[in-house]
């Protein structure tokens, strides 16, 4: 038997995130690190733009605090290179500068993807508030990625389980087709032989018993056919659309009458029946049900077949009755 897919709990995991602090002044880095300490996250230091780029090659960061004025490669040049890397192109950058607003080319900074500017002197509470927003956003993104990974694993587990179930259904269908149908065919053959060879010698009651046995055997064959059809239907992909069941039923009945022109049966079909269904599967289902109704009323002189719908517990249920 197939093993059941195990259920994985998607429990939240609290982890520290990394913040990149870029400034050529060690004193400023120390001060900013102290400001950020209450957030309880990992603060990684970089003393230059090139050092920052090396850090970004090693890992991802929730947010980058980037000094504007640095030797060799200033903050704007560093930001431009950061944005050129697909892995860090969306990492939030907060520019930190001792320059006043008039001296700072804020337009250029925002064009390079800055999310904010912080001017010295830094107000600790404001700096922590700004950084914490991006820390929480990064955590949420990481959690979503983790959930997606776990959900993909769950889907794979369920897919594996369904594949195993389908194999079992296929094996069962084979068993129905061969192991069960074979003795039933033998029974039908024997029944038919008895009727043909000894039918005239049998009293009406015994003959009626044989005919009832044949009818029961035919119904069992119909059940086996239905099981095989169920397997075929549930193995394929379903494409739903609005289907006119009344019109489809009329077409099926017309086909039945054309195939059996001598057959006399009154068929009532309710108008306006529609359903959201796969047209191919609906056609197969209706054909099977109506065919059975025609088949098992063949010996009735005034057979009536009714195709309609009714409300059951608030739901519309369609039926084929004979």
C-alpha atoms as a PDB file:
ATOM      1  CA  UNK A   1       0.000   0.000   0.000  1.00  0.00           C
ATOM      2  CA  UNK A   2       1.095   3.603  -0.583  1.00  0.00           C
ATOM      3  CA  UNK A   3       2.553   5.440   2.346  1.00  0.00           C
ATOM      4  CA  UNK A   4       0.756   8.552   3.500  1.00  0.00           C
ATOM      5  CA  UNK A   5       2.488  11.861   2.884  1.00  0.00           C
ATOM      6  CA  UNK A   6       3.825  13.334   6.090  1.00  0.00           C
ATOM      7  CA  UNK A   7       2.579  16.767   7.100  1.00  0.00           C
ATOM      8  CA  UNK A   8       5.244  19.367   7.776  1.00  0.00           C
ATOM      9  CA  UNK A   9       4.404  22.150  10.218  1.00  0.00           C
ATOM     10  CA  UNK A  10       5.257  25.582   8.875  1.00  0.00           C
ATOM     11  CA  UNK A  11       6.464  27.035  12.173  1.00  0.00           C
ATOM     12  CA  UNK A  12       8.025  30.500  12.174  1.00  0.00           C
ATOM     13  CA  UNK A  13      11.755  30.619  12.851  1.00  0.00           C
ATOM     14  CA  UNK A  14      13.314  33.664  14.556  1.00  0.00           C
ATOM     15  CA  UNK A  15      16.794  34.360  13.197  1.00  0.00           C
ATOM     16  CA  UNK A  16      19.127  37.318  13.232  1.00  0.00           C
ATOM     17  CA  UNK A  17      19.675  39.163   9.976  1.00  0.00           C
ATOM     18  CA  UNK A  18      22.805  40.916   8.712  1.00  0.00           C
ATOM     19  CA  UNK A  19      23.193  44.683   8.363  1.00  0.00           C
ATOM     20  CA  UNK A  20      26.106  46.086   6.345  1.00  0.00           C
ATOM     21  CA  UNK A  21      27.694  49.255   7.769  1.00  0.00           C
ATOM     22  CA  UNK A  22      30.045  50.992   5.299  1.00  0.00           C
ATOM     23  CA  UNK A  23      32.230  53.915   6.476  1.00  0.00           C
ATOM     24  CA  UNK A  24      35.939  54.633   6.164  1.00  0.00           C
ATOM     25  CA  UNK A  25      35.944  56.216   9.643  1.00  0.00           C
ATOM     26  CA  UNK A  26      36.335  53.535  12.332  1.00  0.00           C
ATOM     27  CA  UNK A  27      35.017  55.889  15.035  1.00  0.00           C
ATOM     28  CA  UNK A  28      31.798  56.484  13.106  1.00  0.00           C
ATOM     29  CA  UNK A  29      31.387  52.766  12.498  1.00  0.00           C
ATOM     30  CA  UNK A  30      31.802  52.103  16.215  1.00  0.00           C
ATOM     31  CA  UNK A  31      29.226  54.765  17.092  1.00  0.00           C
ATOM     32  CA  UNK A  32      26.660  53.524  14.558  1.00  0.00           C
ATOM     33  CA  UNK A  33      27.170  49.946  15.651  1.00  0.00           C
ATOM     34  CA  UNK A  34      26.403  51.005  19.225  1.00  0.00           C
ATOM     35  CA  UNK A  35      23.263  52.788  18.020  1.00  0.00           C
ATOM     36  CA  UNK A  36      22.065  49.631  16.253  1.00  0.00           C
ATOM     37  CA  UNK A  37      22.987  47.220  19.067  1.00  0.00           C
ATOM     38  CA  UNK A  38      19.506  47.312  20.720  1.00  0.00           C
ATOM     39  CA  UNK A  39      18.012  45.825  17.535  1.00  0.00           C
ATOM     40  CA  UNK A  40      19.830  42.570  18.310  1.00  0.00           C
ATOM     41  CA  UNK A  41      20.942  41.920  14.723  1.00  0.00           C
ATOM     42  CA  UNK A  42      24.328  41.128  13.183  1.00  0.00           C
ATOM     43  CA  UNK A  43      26.136  44.308  12.099  1.00  0.00           C
ATOM     44  CA  UNK A  44      28.919  43.653   9.571  1.00  0.00           C
ATOM     45  CA  UNK A  45      31.490  46.429   9.051  1.00  0.00           C
ATOM     46  CA  UNK A  46      33.173  47.500   5.808  1.00  0.00           C
ATOM     47  CA  UNK A  47      35.892  50.210   5.748  1.00  0.00           C
ATOM     48  CA  UNK A  48      35.553  51.085   2.045  1.00  0.00           C
ATOM     49  CA  UNK A  49      33.406  50.677  -1.046  1.00  0.00           C
ATOM     50  CA  UNK A  50      35.536  47.805  -2.339  1.00  0.00           C
ATOM     51  CA  UNK A  51      35.356  46.108   1.064  1.00  0.00           C
ATOM     52  CA  UNK A  52      31.560  46.451   0.946  1.00  0.00           C
ATOM     53  CA  UNK A  53      31.441  44.825  -2.492  1.00  0.00           C
ATOM     54  CA  UNK A  54      33.527  41.914  -1.202  1.00  0.00           C
ATOM     55  CA  UNK A  55      31.107  41.449   1.693  1.00  0.00           C
ATOM     56  CA  UNK A  56      28.165  41.435  -0.744  1.00  0.00           C
ATOM     57  CA  UNK A  57      29.824  38.652  -2.720  1.00  0.00           C
ATOM     58  CA  UNK A  58      29.824  36.495   0.428  1.00  0.00           C
ATOM     59  CA  UNK A  59      26.313  37.071   1.766  1.00  0.00           C
ATOM     60  CA  UNK A  60      23.029  38.955   1.566  1.00  0.00           C
ATOM     61  CA  UNK A  61      22.044  41.863   3.799  1.00  0.00           C
ATOM     62  CA  UNK A  62      18.736  43.204   5.056  1.00  0.00           C
ATOM     63  CA  UNK A  63      19.882  46.820   4.634  1.00  0.00           C
ATOM     64  CA  UNK A  64      23.077  48.732   3.838  1.00  0.00           C
ATOM     65  CA  UNK A  65      24.116  51.886   5.736  1.00  0.00           C
ATOM     66  CA  UNK A  66      26.464  53.653   3.325  1.00  0.00           C
ATOM     67  CA  UNK A  67      28.596  56.728   3.990  1.00  0.00           C
ATOM     68  CA  UNK A  68      28.412  59.205   1.116  1.00  0.00           C
ATOM     69  CA  UNK A  69      31.904  60.708   1.392  1.00  0.00           C
ATOM     70  CA  UNK A  70      34.671  58.067   1.266  1.00  0.00           C
ATOM     71  CA  UNK A  71      38.114  58.107  -0.410  1.00  0.00           C
ATOM     72  CA  UNK A  72      38.857  56.220  -3.670  1.00  0.00           C
ATOM     73  CA  UNK A  73      35.227  55.114  -4.135  1.00  0.00           C
ATOM     74  CA  UNK A  74      32.514  57.294  -2.637  1.00  0.00           C
ATOM     75  CA  UNK A  75      29.089  56.119  -1.517  1.00  0.00           C
ATOM     76  CA  UNK A  76      27.337  56.949  -4.790  1.00  0.00           C
ATOM     77  CA  UNK A  77      29.876  54.995  -6.854  1.00  0.00           C
ATOM     78  CA  UNK A  78      29.619  52.093  -4.440  1.00  0.00           C
ATOM     79  CA  UNK A  79      25.810  52.141  -4.673  1.00  0.00           C
ATOM     80  CA  UNK A  80      25.991  52.102  -8.469  1.00  0.00           C
ATOM     81  CA  UNK A  81      28.159  48.967  -8.414  1.00  0.00           C
ATOM     82  CA  UNK A  82      25.891  47.347  -5.832  1.00  0.00           C
ATOM     83  CA  UNK A  83      22.884  47.918  -8.082  1.00  0.00           C
ATOM     84  CA  UNK A  84      24.673  46.309 -11.042  1.00  0.00           C
ATOM     85  CA  UNK A  85      24.709  42.933  -9.266  1.00  0.00           C
ATOM     86  CA  UNK A  86      21.368  41.081  -9.663  1.00  0.00           C
ATOM     87  CA  UNK A  87      21.703  39.548  -6.206  1.00  0.00           C
ATOM     88  CA  UNK A  88      21.953  42.948  -4.476  1.00  0.00           C
ATOM     89  CA  UNK A  89      20.060  45.187  -6.890  1.00  0.00           C
ATOM     90  CA  UNK A  90      17.054  45.346  -4.556  1.00  0.00           C
ATOM     91  CA  UNK A  91      18.912  45.561  -1.232  1.00  0.00           C
ATOM     92  CA  UNK A  92      17.770  48.747   0.574  1.00  0.00           C
ATOM     93  CA  UNK A  93      20.476  51.435   0.882  1.00  0.00           C
ATOM     94  CA  UNK A  94      20.355  54.212   3.488  1.00  0.00           C
ATOM     95  CA  UNK A  95      22.928  56.927   2.835  1.00  0.00           C
ATOM     96  CA  UNK A  96      24.542  58.348   5.969  1.00  0.00           C
ATOM     97  CA  UNK A  97      26.331  61.667   5.599  1.00  0.00           C
ATOM     98  CA  UNK A  98      27.869  64.487   7.632  1.00  0.00           C
ATOM     99  CA  UNK A  99      27.219  66.896   4.756  1.00  0.00           C
ATOM    100  CA  UNK A 100      24.218  69.187   4.970  1.00  0.00           C
ATOM    101  CA  UNK A 101      21.279  68.846   2.622  1.00  0.00           C
ATOM    102  CA  UNK A 102      22.499  71.629   0.348  1.00  0.00           C
ATOM    103  CA  UNK A 103      25.825  69.866  -0.237  1.00  0.00           C
ATOM    104  CA  UNK A 104      24.306  66.432  -0.810  1.00  0.00           C
ATOM    105  CA  UNK A 105      23.157  65.389  -4.267  1.00  0.00           C
ATOM    106  CA  UNK A 106      20.054  63.621  -2.970  1.00  0.00           C
ATOM    107  CA  UNK A 107      18.559  63.307  -6.448  1.00  0.00           C
ATOM    108  CA  UNK A 108      21.533  61.267  -7.598  1.00  0.00           C
ATOM    109  CA  UNK A 109      21.283  59.106  -4.503  1.00  0.00           C
ATOM    110  CA  UNK A 110      17.626  58.307  -5.091  1.00  0.00           C
ATOM    111  CA  UNK A 111      18.337  57.622  -8.771  1.00  0.00           C
ATOM    112  CA  UNK A 112      20.863  55.027  -7.601  1.00  0.00           C
ATOM    113  CA  UNK A 113      18.196  53.295  -5.530  1.00  0.00           C
ATOM    114  CA  UNK A 114      18.565  54.893  -2.117  1.00  0.00           C
ATOM    115  CA  UNK A 115      15.560  54.410   0.146  1.00  0.00           C
ATOM    116  CA  UNK A 116      16.503  57.176   2.585  1.00  0.00           C
ATOM    117  CA  UNK A 117      19.116  59.692   3.741  1.00  0.00           C
ATOM    118  CA  UNK A 118      20.238  60.166   7.349  1.00  0.00           C
ATOM    119  CA  UNK A 119      22.129  63.360   8.171  1.00  0.00           C
ATOM    120  CA  UNK A 120      24.559  63.861  11.036  1.00  0.00           C
ATOM    121  CA  UNK A 121      24.217  64.233  13.901  1.00  0.00           C
ATOM    122  CA  UNK A 122      22.410  60.895  13.919  1.00  0.00           C
ATOM    123  CA  UNK A 123      19.435  60.612  16.276  1.00  0.00           C
ATOM    124  CA  UNK A 124      19.698  57.036  17.665  1.00  0.00           C
ATOM    125  CA  UNK A 125      15.950  56.401  18.004  1.00  0.00           C
ATOM    126  CA  UNK A 126      15.249  57.611  14.459  1.00  0.00           C
ATOM    127  CA  UNK A 127      18.113  55.566  13.003  1.00  0.00           C
ATOM    128  CA  UNK A 128      16.932  52.413  14.778  1.00  0.00           C
ATOM    129  CA  UNK A 129      13.357  53.010  13.632  1.00  0.00           C
ATOM    130  CA  UNK A 130      14.424  53.390   9.995  1.00  0.00           C
ATOM    131  CA  UNK A 131      16.678  50.325  10.057  1.00  0.00           C
ATOM    132  CA  UNK A 132      14.176  48.161  11.950  1.00  0.00           C
ATOM    133  CA  UNK A 133      11.606  48.634   9.169  1.00  0.00           C
ATOM    134  CA  UNK A 134      13.944  47.014   6.647  1.00  0.00           C
ATOM    135  CA  UNK A 135      15.031  44.349   9.132  1.00  0.00           C
ATOM    136  CA  UNK A 136      11.418  43.253   9.636  1.00  0.00           C
ATOM    137  CA  UNK A 137      10.742  43.415   5.901  1.00  0.00           C
ATOM    138  CA  UNK A 138      13.760  41.212   5.203  1.00  0.00           C
ATOM    139  CA  UNK A 139      12.658  38.732   7.880  1.00  0.00           C
ATOM    140  CA  UNK A 140       9.202  38.569   6.318  1.00  0.00           C
ATOM    141  CA  UNK A 141      10.716  37.926   2.892  1.00  0.00           C
ATOM    142  CA  UNK A 142      12.935  35.183   4.297  1.00  0.00           C
ATOM    143  CA  UNK A 143       9.965  33.608   6.040  1.00  0.00           C
ATOM    144  CA  UNK A 144       7.979  33.662   2.802  1.00  0.00           C
ATOM    145  CA  UNK A 145      10.869  31.980   0.994  1.00  0.00           C
ATOM    146  CA  UNK A 146      11.014  29.332   3.710  1.00  0.00           C
ATOM    147  CA  UNK A 147       7.255  28.754   3.506  1.00  0.00           C
ATOM    148  CA  UNK A 148       7.468  28.467  -0.270  1.00  0.00           C
ATOM    149  CA  UNK A 149      10.245  25.880   0.005  1.00  0.00           C
ATOM    150  CA  UNK A 150       8.284  23.867   2.561  1.00  0.00           C
ATOM    151  CA  UNK A 151       5.092  24.098   0.513  1.00  0.00           C
ATOM    152  CA  UNK A 152       6.931  22.927  -2.589  1.00  0.00           C
ATOM    153  CA  UNK A 153       8.195  19.970  -0.572  1.00  0.00           C
ATOM    154  CA  UNK A 154       4.658  19.238   0.662  1.00  0.00           C
ATOM    155  CA  UNK A 155       3.342  19.383  -2.901  1.00  0.00           C
ATOM    156  CA  UNK A 156       6.060  16.962  -3.988  1.00  0.00           C
ATOM    157  CA  UNK A 157       5.183  14.593  -1.131  1.00  0.00           C
ATOM    158  CA  UNK A 158       1.481  14.697  -2.022  1.00  0.00           C
ATOM    159  CA  UNK A 159       2.278  14.223  -5.713  1.00  0.00           C
ATOM    160  CA  UNK A 160       4.354  11.160  -4.870  1.00  0.00           C
ATOM    161  CA  UNK A 161       1.531   9.774  -2.731  1.00  0.00           C
ATOM    162  CA  UNK A 162      -1.055  10.414  -5.462  1.00  0.00           C
ATOM    163  CA  UNK A 163       1.178   8.721  -8.012  1.00  0.00           C
ATOM    164  CA  UNK A 164       1.342   5.650  -5.779  1.00  0.00           C
ATOM    165  CA  UNK A 165      -2.452   5.694  -5.340  1.00  0.00           C
ATOM    166  CA  UNK A 166      -2.932   5.918  -9.100  1.00  0.00           C
ATOM    167  CA  UNK A 167      -0.685   2.903  -9.535  1.00  0.00           C
ATOM    168  CA  UNK A 168      -2.854   0.982  -7.073  1.00  0.00           C
ATOM    169  CA  UNK A 169      -5.986   2.071  -8.935  1.00  0.00           C
ATOM    170  CA  UNK A 170      -4.432   0.938 -12.193  1.00  0.00           C
ATOM    171  CA  UNK A 171      -3.613  -2.432 -10.660  1.00  0.00           C
ATOM    172  CA  UNK A 172      -7.154  -2.704  -9.308  1.00  0.00           C
ATOM    173  CA  UNK A 173      -8.580  -1.788 -12.713  1.00  0.00           C
ATOM    174  CA  UNK A 174      -6.491  -4.552 -14.267  1.00  0.00           C
ATOM    175  CA  UNK A 175      -7.793  -6.969 -11.645  1.00  0.00           C
ATOM    176  CA  UNK A 176     -11.380  -5.974 -12.439  1.00  0.00           C
ATOM    177  CA  UNK A 177     -10.766  -6.394 -16.165  1.00  0.00           C
ATOM    178  CA  UNK A 178      -9.156  -9.814 -15.955  1.00  0.00           C
ATOM    179  CA  UNK A 179      -9.485 -11.581 -12.605  1.00  0.00           C
ATOM    180  CA  UNK A 180     -13.141 -10.668 -11.990  1.00  0.00           C
ATOM    181  CA  UNK A 181     -14.528 -10.307 -15.499  1.00  0.00           C
ATOM    182  CA  UNK A 182     -13.225 -13.703 -16.708  1.00  0.00           C
ATOM    183  CA  UNK A 183     -15.366 -15.875 -14.375  1.00  0.00           C
ATOM    184  CA  UNK A 184     -18.336 -13.593 -15.028  1.00  0.00           C
ATOM    185  CA  UNK A 185     -18.008 -14.198 -18.770  1.00  0.00           C
ATOM    186  CA  UNK A 186     -17.896 -17.945 -18.116  1.00  0.00           C
ATOM    187  CA  UNK A 187     -21.035 -17.655 -16.001  1.00  0.00           C
ATOM    188  CA  UNK A 188     -22.812 -15.739 -18.773  1.00  0.00           C
ATOM    189  CA  UNK A 189     -21.780 -18.342 -21.332  1.00  0.00           C
ATOM    190  CA  UNK A 190     -23.084 -21.183 -19.168  1.00  0.00           C
ATOM    191  CA  UNK A 191     -26.327 -19.329 -18.517  1.00  0.00           C
ATOM    192  CA  UNK A 192     -26.834 -18.700 -22.227  1.00  0.00           C
ATOM    193  CA  UNK A 193     -26.106 -22.346 -23.052  1.00  0.00           C
ATOM    194  CA  UNK A 194     -28.686 -23.528 -20.528  1.00  0.00           C
ATOM    195  CA  UNK A 195     -31.307 -21.227 -22.004  1.00  0.00           C
ATOM    196  CA  UNK A 196     -30.543 -22.278 -25.578  1.00  0.00           C
ATOM    197  CA  UNK A 197     -30.180 -26.027 -24.973  1.00  0.00           C
ATOM    198  CA  UNK A 198     -32.782 -26.628 -22.272  1.00  0.00           C
ATOM    199  CA  UNK A 199     -34.966 -23.558 -22.411  1.00  0.00           C
ATOM    200  CA  UNK A 200     -37.926 -25.392 -23.928  1.00  0.00           C
ATOM    201  CA  UNK A 201     -37.663 -28.168 -21.352  1.00  0.00           C
ATOM    202  CA  UNK A 202     -37.636 -25.817 -18.368  1.00  0.00           C
ATOM    203  CA  UNK A 203     -40.778 -24.739 -16.610  1.00  0.00           C
ATOM    204  CA  UNK A 204     -41.510 -20.985 -16.721  1.00  0.00           C
ATOM    205  CA  UNK A 205     -40.305 -20.452 -13.170  1.00  0.00           C
ATOM    206  CA  UNK A 206     -36.867 -22.019 -13.784  1.00  0.00           C
ATOM    207  CA  UNK A 207     -36.557 -20.130 -17.053  1.00  0.00           C
ATOM    208  CA  UNK A 208     -37.383 -16.890 -15.237  1.00  0.00           C
ATOM    209  CA  UNK A 209     -34.654 -17.629 -12.658  1.00  0.00           C
ATOM    210  CA  UNK A 210     -32.073 -18.072 -15.414  1.00  0.00           C
ATOM    211  CA  UNK A 211     -33.147 -14.837 -17.052  1.00  0.00           C
ATOM    212  CA  UNK A 212     -32.868 -13.017 -13.720  1.00  0.00           C
ATOM    213  CA  UNK A 213     -29.394 -14.458 -13.218  1.00  0.00           C
ATOM    214  CA  UNK A 214     -28.410 -13.223 -16.681  1.00  0.00           C
ATOM    215  CA  UNK A 215     -29.782  -9.767 -15.900  1.00  0.00           C
ATOM    216  CA  UNK A 216     -27.871  -9.646 -12.590  1.00  0.00           C
ATOM    217  CA  UNK A 217     -24.710 -10.721 -14.415  1.00  0.00           C
ATOM    218  CA  UNK A 218     -25.224  -7.963 -16.990  1.00  0.00           C
ATOM    219  CA  UNK A 219     -25.601  -5.428 -14.210  1.00  0.00           C
ATOM    220  CA  UNK A 220     -22.377  -6.644 -12.586  1.00  0.00           C
ATOM    221  CA  UNK A 221     -20.589  -6.291 -15.927  1.00  0.00           C
ATOM    222  CA  UNK A 222     -21.923  -2.750 -16.097  1.00  0.00           C
ATOM    223  CA  UNK A 223     -20.487  -2.080 -12.623  1.00  0.00           C
ATOM    224  CA  UNK A 224     -17.068  -3.317 -13.746  1.00  0.00           C
ATOM    225  CA  UNK A 225     -17.289  -1.108 -16.829  1.00  0.00           C
ATOM    226  CA  UNK A 226     -18.135   1.817 -14.583  1.00  0.00           C
ATOM    227  CA  UNK A 227     -15.135   1.145 -12.346  1.00  0.00           C
ATOM    228  CA  UNK A 228     -12.817   1.115 -15.329  1.00  0.00           C
ATOM    229  CA  UNK A 229     -14.363   4.310 -16.628  1.00  0.00           C
ATOM    230  CA  UNK A 230     -13.920   5.926 -13.201  1.00  0.00           C
ATOM    231  CA  UNK A 231     -10.231   5.107 -13.294  1.00  0.00           C
ATOM    232  CA  UNK A 232      -9.833   6.586 -16.766  1.00  0.00           C
ATOM    233  CA  UNK A 233     -11.737   9.729 -15.823  1.00  0.00           C
ATOM    234  CA  UNK A 234      -9.820  10.384 -12.618  1.00  0.00           C
ATOM    235  CA  UNK A 235      -6.455   9.808 -14.300  1.00  0.00           C
ATOM    236  CA  UNK A 236      -6.773  12.710 -16.757  1.00  0.00           C
ATOM    237  CA  UNK A 237      -6.716  16.471 -16.396  1.00  0.00           C
ATOM    238  CA  UNK A 238     -10.078  18.197 -15.899  1.00  0.00           C
ATOM    239  CA  UNK A 239     -11.010  21.350 -17.859  1.00  0.00           C
ATOM    240  CA  UNK A 240     -14.186  22.924 -16.497  1.00  0.00           C
ATOM    241  CA  UNK A 241     -16.633  25.055 -18.450  1.00  0.00           C
ATOM    242  CA  UNK A 242     -20.370  25.697 -18.472  1.00  0.00           C
ATOM    243  CA  UNK A 243     -22.063  22.686 -20.101  1.00  0.00           C
ATOM    244  CA  UNK A 244     -25.655  22.499 -21.388  1.00  0.00           C
ATOM    245  CA  UNK A 245     -26.625  19.146 -19.878  1.00  0.00           C
ATOM    246  CA  UNK A 246     -30.126  19.194 -21.417  1.00  0.00           C
ATOM    247  CA  UNK A 247     -28.775  19.625 -24.956  1.00  0.00           C
ATOM    248  CA  UNK A 248     -26.083  17.014 -24.368  1.00  0.00           C
ATOM    249  CA  UNK A 249     -28.665  14.523 -23.075  1.00  0.00           C
ATOM    250  CA  UNK A 250     -30.852  15.084 -26.160  1.00  0.00           C
ATOM    251  CA  UNK A 251     -27.868  14.362 -28.423  1.00  0.00           C
ATOM    252  CA  UNK A 252     -27.087  11.148 -26.542  1.00  0.00           C
ATOM    253  CA  UNK A 253     -30.726   9.995 -26.707  1.00  0.00           C
ATOM    254  CA  UNK A 254     -30.840  10.732 -30.453  1.00  0.00           C
ATOM    255  CA  UNK A 255     -27.724   8.581 -30.916  1.00  0.00           C
ATOM    256  CA  UNK A 256     -29.323   5.761 -28.904  1.00  0.00           C
ATOM    257  CA  UNK A 257     -32.495   5.897 -30.989  1.00  0.00           C
ATOM    258  CA  UNK A 258     -30.493   5.929 -34.241  1.00  0.00           C
ATOM    259  CA  UNK A 259     -28.544   2.855 -33.099  1.00  0.00           C
ATOM    260  CA  UNK A 260     -31.768   1.067 -32.037  1.00  0.00           C
ATOM    261  CA  UNK A 261     -34.518   2.242 -34.424  1.00  0.00           C
ATOM    262  CA  UNK A 262     -36.945  -0.495 -33.331  1.00  0.00           C
ATOM    263  CA  UNK A 263     -36.637   0.425 -29.683  1.00  0.00           C
ATOM    264  CA  UNK A 264     -39.679   2.142 -28.195  1.00  0.00           C
ATOM    265  CA  UNK A 265     -39.068   4.111 -25.028  1.00  0.00           C
ATOM    266  CA  UNK A 266     -40.484   7.362 -23.746  1.00  0.00           C
ATOM    267  CA  UNK A 267     -37.686   9.718 -22.685  1.00  0.00           C
ATOM    268  CA  UNK A 268     -38.323  12.899 -20.703  1.00  0.00           C
ATOM    269  CA  UNK A 269     -35.538  15.485 -20.515  1.00  0.00           C
ATOM    270  CA  UNK A 270     -35.843  18.552 -18.274  1.00  0.00           C
ATOM    271  CA  UNK A 271     -35.005  21.833 -19.971  1.00  0.00           C
ATOM    272  CA  UNK A 272     -32.391  24.341 -18.852  1.00  0.00           C
ATOM    273  CA  UNK A 273     -30.050  21.975 -17.013  1.00  0.00           C
ATOM    274  CA  UNK A 274     -26.494  23.322 -16.956  1.00  0.00           C
ATOM    275  CA  UNK A 275     -23.389  22.461 -14.946  1.00  0.00           C
ATOM    276  CA  UNK A 276     -19.780  23.519 -14.541  1.00  0.00           C
ATOM    277  CA  UNK A 277     -17.998  20.420 -15.826  1.00  0.00           C
ATOM    278  CA  UNK A 278     -15.481  18.971 -18.223  1.00  0.00           C
ATOM    279  CA  UNK A 279     -17.504  18.529 -21.467  1.00  0.00           C
ATOM    280  CA  UNK A 280     -15.685  15.316 -22.409  1.00  0.00           C
ATOM    281  CA  UNK A 281     -16.258  13.712 -19.011  1.00  0.00           C
ATOM    282  CA  UNK A 282     -19.877  14.899 -18.894  1.00  0.00           C
ATOM    283  CA  UNK A 283     -20.466  13.333 -22.324  1.00  0.00           C
ATOM    284  CA  UNK A 284     -18.968  10.008 -21.217  1.00  0.00           C
ATOM    285  CA  UNK A 285     -20.987  10.003 -17.987  1.00  0.00           C
ATOM    286  CA  UNK A 286     -24.297  10.813 -19.679  1.00  0.00           C
ATOM    287  CA  UNK A 287     -23.693   8.265 -22.431  1.00  0.00           C
ATOM    288  CA  UNK A 288     -22.973   5.559 -19.869  1.00  0.00           C
ATOM    289  CA  UNK A 289     -26.012   6.350 -17.701  1.00  0.00           C
ATOM    290  CA  UNK A 290     -28.473   6.716 -20.586  1.00  0.00           C
ATOM    291  CA  UNK A 291     -27.080   3.614 -22.327  1.00  0.00           C
ATOM    292  CA  UNK A 292     -27.626   1.587 -19.156  1.00  0.00           C
ATOM    293  CA  UNK A 293     -31.160   2.947 -18.860  1.00  0.00           C
ATOM    294  CA  UNK A 294     -31.930   1.882 -22.438  1.00  0.00           C
ATOM    295  CA  UNK A 295     -30.272  -1.490 -21.905  1.00  0.00           C
ATOM    296  CA  UNK A 296     -32.061  -2.467 -18.708  1.00  0.00           C
ATOM    297  CA  UNK A 297     -35.510  -1.389 -19.892  1.00  0.00           C
ATOM    298  CA  UNK A 298     -35.234  -3.193 -23.241  1.00  0.00           C
ATOM    299  CA  UNK A 299     -37.828  -5.825 -22.318  1.00  0.00           C
ATOM    300  CA  UNK A 300     -40.348  -3.418 -20.835  1.00  0.00           C
ATOM    301  CA  UNK A 301     -43.222  -2.728 -23.257  1.00  0.00           C
ATOM    302  CA  UNK A 302     -43.848   0.790 -21.931  1.00  0.00           C
ATOM    303  CA  UNK A 303     -40.416   1.877 -20.748  1.00  0.00           C
ATOM    304  CA  UNK A 304     -39.935   5.429 -19.521  1.00  0.00           C
ATOM    305  CA  UNK A 305     -36.564   7.082 -18.926  1.00  0.00           C
ATOM    306  CA  UNK A 306     -36.409  10.390 -17.094  1.00  0.00           C
ATOM    307  CA  UNK A 307     -33.427  12.774 -17.179  1.00  0.00           C
ATOM    308  CA  UNK A 308     -33.787  15.698 -14.809  1.00  0.00           C
ATOM    309  CA  UNK A 309     -32.627  17.490 -11.694  1.00  0.00           C
ATOM    310  CA  UNK A 310     -33.743  18.009  -8.117  1.00  0.00           C
ATOM    311  CA  UNK A 311     -32.684  19.938  -5.028  1.00  0.00           C
ATOM    312  CA  UNK A 312     -31.057  17.831  -2.302  1.00  0.00           C
ATOM    313  CA  UNK A 313     -29.848  19.579   0.871  1.00  0.00           C
ATOM    314  CA  UNK A 314     -29.584  22.873  -0.996  1.00  0.00           C
ATOM    315  CA  UNK A 315     -27.612  21.404  -3.905  1.00  0.00           C
ATOM    316  CA  UNK A 316     -28.800  20.644  -7.428  1.00  0.00           C
ATOM    317  CA  UNK A 317     -28.545  16.939  -8.209  1.00  0.00           C
ATOM    318  CA  UNK A 318     -29.032  15.599 -11.739  1.00  0.00           C
ATOM    319  CA  UNK A 319     -30.317  12.080 -12.377  1.00  0.00           C
ATOM    320  CA  UNK A 320     -31.141   9.458 -15.008  1.00  0.00           C
ATOM    321  CA  UNK A 321     -34.036   7.252 -13.888  1.00  0.00           C
ATOM    322  CA  UNK A 322     -35.743   4.283 -15.535  1.00  0.00           C
END
